[in-house]
Full PDB file with SEQRES, HELIX, SHEET, SSBOND, CRYST1, ORIGX, SCALE, CONECT and MASTER records, all heavy atoms in Angstrom:
SEQRES   1 A   35  GLY THR TRP THR GLN PRO LYS GLY GLY TYR PHE ILE SER          
SEQRES   2 A   35  PHE TYR ALA LEU ASP GLY CYS ALA LYS ASP ILE VAL LYS          
SEQRES   3 A   35  ALA CYS LYS GLU ALA GLY ALA ILE LEU                          
HELIX    1 AA1 ALA A   21  GLU A   30  1                                  10    
SHEET    1 AA1 2 THR A   2  TRP A   3  0                                        
SHEET    2 AA1 2 PHE A  14  TYR A  15 -1                                        
CRYST1    1.000    1.000    1.000  90.00  90.00  90.00 P 1           1          
ORIGX1      1.000000  0.000000  0.000000        0.00000                         
ORIGX2      0.000000  1.000000  0.000000        0.00000                         
ORIGX3      0.000000  0.000000  1.000000        0.00000                         
SCALE1      1.000000  0.000000  0.000000        0.00000                         
SCALE2      0.000000  1.000000  0.000000        0.00000                         
SCALE3      0.000000  0.000000  1.000000        0.00000                         
ATOM      1  N   GLY A   1      78.766  74.588 103.478  1.00  0.00           N  
ATOM      2  CA  GLY A   1      78.431  74.337 102.107  1.00  0.00           C  
ATOM      3  C   GLY A   1      79.148  73.103 101.613  1.00  0.00           C  
ATOM      4  O   GLY A   1      80.236  72.728 102.033  1.00  0.00           O  
ATOM      5  N   THR A   2      78.538  72.405 100.662  1.00  0.00           N  
ATOM      6  CA  THR A   2      79.200  71.315  99.899  1.00  0.00           C  
ATOM      7  C   THR A   2      78.967  71.552  98.464  1.00  0.00           C  
ATOM      8  O   THR A   2      78.106  72.412  98.067  1.00  0.00           O  
ATOM      9  CB  THR A   2      78.620  69.930 100.332  1.00  0.00           C  
ATOM     10  OG1 THR A   2      77.140  69.926 100.056  1.00  0.00           O  
ATOM     11  CG2 THR A   2      78.778  69.693 101.817  1.00  0.00           C  
ATOM     12  N   TRP A   3      79.791  70.946  97.670  1.00  0.00           N  
ATOM     13  CA  TRP A   3      79.770  71.113  96.155  1.00  0.00           C  
ATOM     14  C   TRP A   3      80.143  69.882  95.550  1.00  0.00           C  
ATOM     15  O   TRP A   3      80.968  69.041  95.953  1.00  0.00           O  
ATOM     16  CB  TRP A   3      80.572  72.335  95.814  1.00  0.00           C  
ATOM     17  CG  TRP A   3      81.933  72.268  96.248  1.00  0.00           C  
ATOM     18  CD1 TRP A   3      82.963  71.746  95.702  1.00  0.00           C  
ATOM     19  CD2 TRP A   3      82.468  72.878  97.540  1.00  0.00           C  
ATOM     20  NE1 TRP A   3      84.196  71.973  96.417  1.00  0.00           N  
ATOM     21  CE2 TRP A   3      83.842  72.537  97.650  1.00  0.00           C  
ATOM     22  CE3 TRP A   3      81.858  73.479  98.650  1.00  0.00           C  
ATOM     23  CZ2 TRP A   3      84.603  72.985  98.670  1.00  0.00           C  
ATOM     24  CZ3 TRP A   3      82.570  73.834  99.652  1.00  0.00           C  
ATOM     25  CH2 TRP A   3      83.928  73.661  99.772  1.00  0.00           C  
ATOM     26  N   THR A   4      79.639  69.774  94.236  1.00  0.00           N  
ATOM     27  CA  THR A   4      80.046  68.604  93.409  1.00  0.00           C  
ATOM     28  C   THR A   4      81.385  68.855  92.702  1.00  0.00           C  
ATOM     29  O   THR A   4      81.762  70.114  92.544  1.00  0.00           O  
ATOM     30  CB  THR A   4      78.948  68.334  92.403  1.00  0.00           C  
ATOM     31  OG1 THR A   4      78.723  69.427  91.547  1.00  0.00           O  
ATOM     32  CG2 THR A   4      77.620  67.877  93.076  1.00  0.00           C  
ATOM     33  N   GLN A   5      81.973  67.913  92.269  1.00  0.00           N  
ATOM     34  CA  GLN A   5      83.278  67.960  91.490  1.00  0.00           C  
ATOM     35  C   GLN A   5      83.205  67.155  90.330  1.00  0.00           C  
ATOM     36  O   GLN A   5      83.602  66.004  90.275  1.00  0.00           O  
ATOM     37  CB  GLN A   5      84.457  67.528  92.399  1.00  0.00           C  
ATOM     38  CG  GLN A   5      84.628  68.245  93.690  1.00  0.00           C  
ATOM     39  CD  GLN A   5      85.861  68.000  94.404  1.00  0.00           C  
ATOM     40  OE1 GLN A   5      86.990  67.912  93.799  1.00  0.00           O  
ATOM     41  NE2 GLN A   5      85.772  67.883  95.736  1.00  0.00           N  
ATOM     42  N   PRO A   6      82.485  67.695  89.338  1.00  0.00           N  
ATOM     43  CA  PRO A   6      82.119  66.912  88.116  1.00  0.00           C  
ATOM     44  C   PRO A   6      83.292  66.692  87.191  1.00  0.00           C  
ATOM     45  O   PRO A   6      84.299  67.283  87.279  1.00  0.00           O  
ATOM     46  CB  PRO A   6      81.148  67.791  87.377  1.00  0.00           C  
ATOM     47  CG  PRO A   6      81.487  69.186  87.764  1.00  0.00           C  
ATOM     48  CD  PRO A   6      81.943  69.049  89.228  1.00  0.00           C  
ATOM     49  N   LYS A   7      83.223  65.470  86.406  1.00  0.00           N  
ATOM     50  CA  LYS A   7      84.268  65.094  85.548  1.00  0.00           C  
ATOM     51  C   LYS A   7      83.918  65.494  84.050  1.00  0.00           C  
ATOM     52  O   LYS A   7      84.633  65.241  83.214  1.00  0.00           O  
ATOM     53  CB  LYS A   7      84.442  63.634  85.544  1.00  0.00           C  
ATOM     54  CG  LYS A   7      85.044  63.075  86.913  1.00  0.00           C  
ATOM     55  CD  LYS A   7      85.286  61.628  86.857  1.00  0.00           C  
ATOM     56  CE  LYS A   7      84.166  60.760  87.055  1.00  0.00           C  
ATOM     57  NZ  LYS A   7      84.403  59.401  87.085  1.00  0.00           N  
ATOM     58  N   GLY A   8      82.826  66.233  83.936  1.00  0.00           N  
ATOM     59  CA  GLY A   8      82.374  66.715  82.574  1.00  0.00           C  
ATOM     60  C   GLY A   8      81.141  67.587  82.736  1.00  0.00           C  
ATOM     61  O   GLY A   8      80.666  67.943  83.801  1.00  0.00           O  
ATOM     62  N   GLY A   9      80.647  67.934  81.540  1.00  0.00           N  
ATOM     63  CA  GLY A   9      79.411  68.841  81.526  1.00  0.00           C  
ATOM     64  C   GLY A   9      79.808  70.300  81.787  1.00  0.00           C  
ATOM     65  O   GLY A   9      80.892  70.778  81.463  1.00  0.00           O  
ATOM     66  N   TYR A  10      78.855  71.069  82.215  1.00  0.00           N  
ATOM     67  CA  TYR A  10      78.957  72.515  82.315  1.00  0.00           C  
ATOM     68  C   TYR A  10      78.641  73.219  83.647  1.00  0.00           C  
ATOM     69  O   TYR A  10      78.726  74.390  83.784  1.00  0.00           O  
ATOM     70  CB  TYR A  10      78.037  73.208  81.233  1.00  0.00           C  
ATOM     71  CG  TYR A  10      78.705  73.487  79.928  1.00  0.00           C  
ATOM     72  CD1 TYR A  10      79.240  72.474  79.044  1.00  0.00           C  
ATOM     73  CD2 TYR A  10      78.920  74.820  79.576  1.00  0.00           C  
ATOM     74  CE1 TYR A  10      79.891  72.807  77.936  1.00  0.00           C  
ATOM     75  CE2 TYR A  10      79.595  75.179  78.367  1.00  0.00           C  
ATOM     76  CZ  TYR A  10      79.962  74.081  77.557  1.00  0.00           C  
ATOM     77  OH  TYR A  10      80.696  74.348  76.437  1.00  0.00           O  
ATOM     78  N   PHE A  11      78.441  72.353  84.690  1.00  0.00           N  
ATOM     79  CA  PHE A  11      78.018  72.952  85.927  1.00  0.00           C  
ATOM     80  C   PHE A  11      78.631  72.320  87.156  1.00  0.00           C  
ATOM     81  O   PHE A  11      79.035  71.220  87.158  1.00  0.00           O  
ATOM     82  CB  PHE A  11      76.467  72.929  86.056  1.00  0.00           C  
ATOM     83  CG  PHE A  11      75.835  73.483  84.780  1.00  0.00           C  
ATOM     84  CD1 PHE A  11      75.265  72.668  83.776  1.00  0.00           C  
ATOM     85  CD2 PHE A  11      75.622  74.846  84.772  1.00  0.00           C  
ATOM     86  CE1 PHE A  11      74.633  73.214  82.739  1.00  0.00           C  
ATOM     87  CE2 PHE A  11      74.974  75.418  83.650  1.00  0.00           C  
ATOM     88  CZ  PHE A  11      74.436  74.541  82.636  1.00  0.00           C  
ATOM     89  N   ILE A  12      78.646  73.148  88.254  1.00  0.00           N  
ATOM     90  CA  ILE A  12      79.018  72.734  89.586  1.00  0.00           C  
ATOM     91  C   ILE A  12      77.704  73.000  90.345  1.00  0.00           C  
ATOM     92  O   ILE A  12      77.164  74.052  90.253  1.00  0.00           O  
ATOM     93  CB  ILE A  12      80.124  73.462  90.160  1.00  0.00           C  
ATOM     94  CG1 ILE A  12      81.451  73.124  89.346  1.00  0.00           C  
ATOM     95  CG2 ILE A  12      80.380  73.109  91.577  1.00  0.00           C  
ATOM     96  CD1 ILE A  12      82.545  74.093  89.632  1.00  0.00           C  
ATOM     97  N   SER A  13      77.323  71.947  91.253  1.00  0.00           N  
ATOM     98  CA  SER A  13      76.165  72.206  92.099  1.00  0.00           C  
ATOM     99  C   SER A  13      76.572  72.441  93.439  1.00  0.00           C  
ATOM    100  O   SER A  13      77.359  71.718  94.055  1.00  0.00           O  
ATOM    101  CB  SER A  13      75.237  70.995  92.017  1.00  0.00           C  
ATOM    102  OG  SER A  13      73.937  71.145  92.462  1.00  0.00           O  
ATOM    103  N   PHE A  14      76.124  73.625  94.054  1.00  0.00           N  
ATOM    104  CA  PHE A  14      76.462  74.013  95.311  1.00  0.00           C  
ATOM    105  C   PHE A  14      75.320  73.903  96.371  1.00  0.00           C  
ATOM    106  O   PHE A  14      74.270  74.335  96.009  1.00  0.00           O  
ATOM    107  CB  PHE A  14      76.994  75.422  95.304  1.00  0.00           C  
ATOM    108  CG  PHE A  14      77.602  75.934  96.611  1.00  0.00           C  
ATOM    109  CD1 PHE A  14      78.922  75.703  96.969  1.00  0.00           C  
ATOM    110  CD2 PHE A  14      76.806  76.434  97.613  1.00  0.00           C  
ATOM    111  CE1 PHE A  14      79.462  76.172  98.162  1.00  0.00           C  
ATOM    112  CE2 PHE A  14      77.285  76.919  98.866  1.00  0.00           C  
ATOM    113  CZ  PHE A  14      78.666  76.755  99.167  1.00  0.00           C  
ATOM    114  N   TYR A  15      75.583  73.401  97.467  1.00  0.00           N  
ATOM    115  CA  TYR A  15      74.529  73.220  98.477  1.00  0.00           C  
ATOM    116  C   TYR A  15      74.900  74.094  99.721  1.00  0.00           C  
ATOM    117  O   TYR A  15      75.880  73.777 100.473  1.00  0.00           O  
ATOM    118  CB  TYR A  15      74.424  71.788  98.878  1.00  0.00           C  
ATOM    119  CG  TYR A  15      73.947  70.897  97.757  1.00  0.00           C  
ATOM    120  CD1 TYR A  15      74.979  70.282  96.856  1.00  0.00           C  
ATOM    121  CD2 TYR A  15      72.571  70.570  97.452  1.00  0.00           C  
ATOM    122  CE1 TYR A  15      74.616  69.445  95.890  1.00  0.00           C  
ATOM    123  CE2 TYR A  15      72.375  69.784  96.383  1.00  0.00           C  
ATOM    124  CZ  TYR A  15      73.291  69.243  95.578  1.00  0.00           C  
ATOM    125  OH  TYR A  15      72.952  68.445  94.488  1.00  0.00           O  
ATOM    126  N   ALA A  16      74.161  75.149  99.953  1.00  0.00           N  
ATOM    127  CA  ALA A  16      74.446  75.948 101.105  1.00  0.00           C  
ATOM    128  C   ALA A  16      73.651  75.425 102.274  1.00  0.00           C  
ATOM    129  O   ALA A  16      72.945  74.427 102.172  1.00  0.00           O  
ATOM    130  CB  ALA A  16      73.958  77.409 100.797  1.00  0.00           C  
ATOM    131  N   LEU A  17      73.802  76.021 103.454  1.00  0.00           N  
ATOM    132  CA  LEU A  17      72.965  75.785 104.589  1.00  0.00           C  
ATOM    133  C   LEU A  17      71.511  75.979 104.242  1.00  0.00           C  
ATOM    134  O   LEU A  17      71.215  76.918 103.451  1.00  0.00           O  
ATOM    135  CB  LEU A  17      73.372  76.613 105.804  1.00  0.00           C  
ATOM    136  CG  LEU A  17      74.816  76.535 106.345  1.00  0.00           C  
ATOM    137  CD1 LEU A  17      75.057  77.555 107.511  1.00  0.00           C  
ATOM    138  CD2 LEU A  17      75.012  75.141 106.885  1.00  0.00           C  
ATOM    139  N   ASP A  18      70.648  75.154 104.734  1.00  0.00           N  
ATOM    140  CA  ASP A  18      69.179  75.278 104.471  1.00  0.00           C  
ATOM    141  C   ASP A  18      68.773  76.769 104.797  1.00  0.00           C  
ATOM    142  O   ASP A  18      69.191  77.342 105.762  1.00  0.00           O  
ATOM    143  CB  ASP A  18      68.454  74.294 105.283  1.00  0.00           C  
ATOM    144  CG  ASP A  18      68.531  72.891 104.882  1.00  0.00           C  
ATOM    145  OD1 ASP A  18      69.371  72.623 103.872  1.00  0.00           O  
ATOM    146  OD2 ASP A  18      67.971  71.933 105.460  1.00  0.00           O  
ATOM    147  N   GLY A  19      67.951  77.191 103.862  1.00  0.00           N  
ATOM    148  CA  GLY A  19      67.361  78.603 103.985  1.00  0.00           C  
ATOM    149  C   GLY A  19      68.332  79.730 103.575  1.00  0.00           C  
ATOM    150  O   GLY A  19      68.004  80.911 103.758  1.00  0.00           O  
ATOM    151  N   CYS A  20      69.419  79.369 102.884  1.00  0.00           N  
ATOM    152  CA  CYS A  20      70.474  80.477 102.653  1.00  0.00           C  
ATOM    153  C   CYS A  20      70.571  80.760 101.122  1.00  0.00           C  
ATOM    154  O   CYS A  20      71.139  81.800 100.789  1.00  0.00           O  
ATOM    155  CB  CYS A  20      71.800  80.072 103.137  1.00  0.00           C  
ATOM    156  SG  CYS A  20      71.888  80.185 105.014  1.00  0.00           S  
ATOM    157  N   ALA A  21      70.144  79.912 100.243  1.00  0.00           N  
ATOM    158  CA  ALA A  21      70.496  80.007  98.848  1.00  0.00           C  
ATOM    159  C   ALA A  21      70.016  81.343  98.225  1.00  0.00           C  
ATOM    160  O   ALA A  21      70.676  82.094  97.508  1.00  0.00           O  
ATOM    161  CB  ALA A  21      69.894  78.905  98.015  1.00  0.00           C  
ATOM    162  N   LYS A  22      68.711  81.707  98.486  1.00  0.00           N  
ATOM    163  CA  LYS A  22      68.152  82.942  97.966  1.00  0.00           C  
ATOM    164  C   LYS A  22      69.000  84.146  98.375  1.00  0.00           C  
ATOM    165  O   LYS A  22      69.274  85.146  97.630  1.00  0.00           O  
ATOM    166  CB  LYS A  22      66.691  83.099  98.306  1.00  0.00           C  
ATOM    167  CG  LYS A  22      65.840  82.152  97.538  1.00  0.00           C  
ATOM    168  CD  LYS A  22      64.277  82.359  98.069  1.00  0.00           C  
ATOM    169  CE  LYS A  22      63.357  81.351  97.160  1.00  0.00           C  
ATOM    170  NZ  LYS A  22      62.003  81.499  97.625  1.00  0.00           N  
ATOM    171  N   ASP A  23      69.322  84.230  99.605  1.00  0.00           N  
ATOM    172  CA  ASP A  23      70.022  85.261 100.274  1.00  0.00           C  
ATOM    173  C   ASP A  23      71.433  85.379  99.679  1.00  0.00           C  
ATOM    174  O   ASP A  23      71.983  86.500  99.407  1.00  0.00           O  
ATOM    175  CB  ASP A  23      70.160  85.202 101.755  1.00  0.00           C  
ATOM    176  CG  ASP A  23      68.836  85.568 102.390  1.00  0.00           C  
ATOM    177  OD1 ASP A  23      67.933  86.184 101.713  1.00  0.00           O  
ATOM    178  OD2 ASP A  23      68.569  85.095 103.557  1.00  0.00           O  
ATOM    179  N   ILE A  24      72.108  84.236  99.377  1.00  0.00           N  
ATOM    180  CA  ILE A  24      73.375  84.235  98.768  1.00  0.00           C  
ATOM    181  C   ILE A  24      73.324  84.853  97.318  1.00  0.00           C  
ATOM    182  O   ILE A  24      74.102  85.562  96.927  1.00  0.00           O  
ATOM    183  CB  ILE A  24      74.037  82.839  98.753  1.00  0.00           C  
ATOM    184  CG1 ILE A  24      74.344  82.356 100.194  1.00  0.00           C  
ATOM    185  CG2 ILE A  24      75.247  82.744  97.902  1.00  0.00           C  
ATOM    186  CD1 ILE A  24      74.628  80.920 100.321  1.00  0.00           C  
ATOM    187  N   VAL A  25      72.335  84.312  96.622  1.00  0.00           N  
ATOM    188  CA  VAL A  25      72.293  84.774  95.237  1.00  0.00           C  
ATOM    189  C   VAL A  25      71.935  86.289  95.109  1.00  0.00           C  
ATOM    190  O   VAL A  25      72.490  86.952  94.339  1.00  0.00           O  
ATOM    191  CB  VAL A  25      71.156  83.998  94.456  1.00  0.00           C  
ATOM    192  CG1 VAL A  25      70.762  84.602  93.078  1.00  0.00           C  
ATOM    193  CG2 VAL A  25      71.445  82.587  94.224  1.00  0.00           C  
ATOM    194  N   LYS A  26      71.078  86.768  96.077  1.00  0.00           N  
ATOM    195  CA  LYS A  26      70.699  88.129  96.143  1.00  0.00           C  
ATOM    196  C   LYS A  26      71.988  88.970  96.566  1.00  0.00           C  
ATOM    197  O   LYS A  26      72.202  90.045  95.928  1.00  0.00           O  
ATOM    198  CB  LYS A  26      69.578  88.443  97.234  1.00  0.00           C  
ATOM    199  CG  LYS A  26      69.243  89.850  97.372  1.00  0.00           C  
ATOM    200  CD  LYS A  26      68.191  90.022  98.463  1.00  0.00           C  
ATOM    201  CE  LYS A  26      67.780  91.410  98.683  1.00  0.00           C  
ATOM    202  NZ  LYS A  26      66.742  91.603  99.772  1.00  0.00           N  
ATOM    203  N   ALA A  27      72.751  88.545  97.483  1.00  0.00           N  
ATOM    204  CA  ALA A  27      73.958  89.230  97.926  1.00  0.00           C  
ATOM    205  C   ALA A  27      74.975  89.271  96.748  1.00  0.00           C  
ATOM    206  O   ALA A  27      75.590  90.372  96.590  1.00  0.00           O  
ATOM    207  CB  ALA A  27      74.606  88.630  99.137  1.00  0.00           C  
ATOM    208  N   CYS A  28      75.103  88.230  95.978  1.00  0.00           N  
ATOM    209  CA  CYS A  28      75.986  88.265  94.821  1.00  0.00           C  
ATOM    210  C   CYS A  28      75.588  89.284  93.808  1.00  0.00           C  
ATOM    211  O   CYS A  28      76.352  90.077  93.277  1.00  0.00           O  
ATOM    212  CB  CYS A  28      76.135  86.909  94.214  1.00  0.00           C  
ATOM    213  SG  CYS A  28      77.072  85.728  95.145  1.00  0.00           S  
ATOM    214  N   LYS A  29      74.208  89.344  93.551  1.00  0.00           N  
ATOM    215  CA  LYS A  29      73.677  90.130  92.562  1.00  0.00           C  
ATOM    216  C   LYS A  29      73.980  91.659  92.908  1.00  0.00           C  
ATOM    217  O   LYS A  29      74.350  92.484  92.139  1.00  0.00           O  
ATOM    218  CB  LYS A  29      72.206  89.921  92.378  1.00  0.00           C  
ATOM    219  CG  LYS A  29      71.636  90.788  91.245  1.00  0.00           C  
ATOM    220  CD  LYS A  29      70.084  90.391  91.173  1.00  0.00           C  
ATOM    221  CE  LYS A  29      69.477  91.247  90.019  1.00  0.00           C  
ATOM    222  NZ  LYS A  29      68.001  90.959  89.858  1.00  0.00           N  
ATOM    223  N   GLU A  30      73.730  92.003  94.180  1.00  0.00           N  
ATOM    224  CA  GLU A  30      73.919  93.371  94.663  1.00  0.00           C  
ATOM    225  C   GLU A  30      75.351  93.784  94.565  1.00  0.00           C  
ATOM    226  O   GLU A  30      75.579  94.999  94.577  1.00  0.00           O  
ATOM    227  CB  GLU A  30      73.307  93.484  96.146  1.00  0.00           C  
ATOM    228  CG  GLU A  30      71.781  93.277  96.133  1.00  0.00           C  
ATOM    229  CD  GLU A  30      71.256  93.366  97.526  1.00  0.00           C  
ATOM    230  OE1 GLU A  30      72.038  93.446  98.549  1.00  0.00           O  
ATOM    231  OE2 GLU A  30      70.085  93.509  97.669  1.00  0.00           O  
ATOM    232  N   ALA A  31      76.272  92.785  94.693  1.00  0.00           N  
ATOM    233  CA  ALA A  31      77.696  93.169  94.567  1.00  0.00           C  
ATOM    234  C   ALA A  31      78.251  93.010  93.147  1.00  0.00           C  
ATOM    235  O   ALA A  31      79.481  93.177  92.953  1.00  0.00           O  
ATOM    236  CB  ALA A  31      78.487  92.264  95.444  1.00  0.00           C  
ATOM    237  N   GLY A  32      77.347  92.727  92.151  1.00  0.00           N  
ATOM    238  CA  GLY A  32      77.853  92.679  90.754  1.00  0.00           C  
ATOM    239  C   GLY A  32      78.037  91.369  90.129  1.00  0.00           C  
ATOM    240  O   GLY A  32      78.591  91.236  88.972  1.00  0.00           O  
ATOM    241  N   ALA A  33      77.569  90.161  90.715  1.00  0.00           N  
ATOM    242  CA  ALA A  33      77.746  88.914  90.121  1.00  0.00           C  
ATOM    243  C   ALA A  33      76.388  88.257  89.962  1.00  0.00           C  
ATOM    244  O   ALA A  33      75.700  88.046  90.927  1.00  0.00           O  
ATOM    245  CB  ALA A  33      78.656  88.084  90.991  1.00  0.00           C  
ATOM    246  N   ILE A  34      76.000  87.894  88.692  1.00  0.00           N  
ATOM    247  CA  ILE A  34      74.663  87.256  88.377  1.00  0.00           C  
ATOM    248  C   ILE A  34      74.832  85.791  88.480  1.00  0.00           C  
ATOM    249  O   ILE A  34      75.755  85.176  87.770  1.00  0.00           O  
ATOM    250  CB  ILE A  34      74.138  87.758  87.102  1.00  0.00           C  
ATOM    251  CG1 ILE A  34      74.039  89.339  86.996  1.00  0.00           C  
ATOM    252  CG2 ILE A  34      72.764  87.203  86.870  1.00  0.00           C  
ATOM    253  CD1 ILE A  34      73.184  89.856  88.089  1.00  0.00           C  
ATOM    254  N   LEU A  35      73.981  85.104  89.221  1.00  0.00           N  
ATOM    255  CA  LEU A  35      74.023  83.700  89.291  1.00  0.00           C  
ATOM    256  C   LEU A  35      72.576  83.196  88.828  1.00  0.00           C  
ATOM    257  O   LEU A  35      71.595  83.972  88.726  1.00  0.00           O  
ATOM    258  CB  LEU A  35      74.207  83.115  90.722  1.00  0.00           C  
ATOM    259  CG  LEU A  35      75.476  83.581  91.381  1.00  0.00           C  
ATOM    260  CD1 LEU A  35      75.482  83.112  92.792  1.00  0.00           C  
ATOM    261  CD2 LEU A  35      76.689  83.000  90.651  1.00  0.00           C  
TER     262      LEU A  35                                                      
MASTER        0    0    0    1    2    0    0    6  261    1    0    3          
END                                                                             
């Protein structure tokens, strides 16, 4: 994974391995963290 390091604003953008984002978000949700 790679991620941005912003100097302002409200967000960090994370780049997972291709084909993994949906599964990561789903796994987080099932463990109690909403993204």
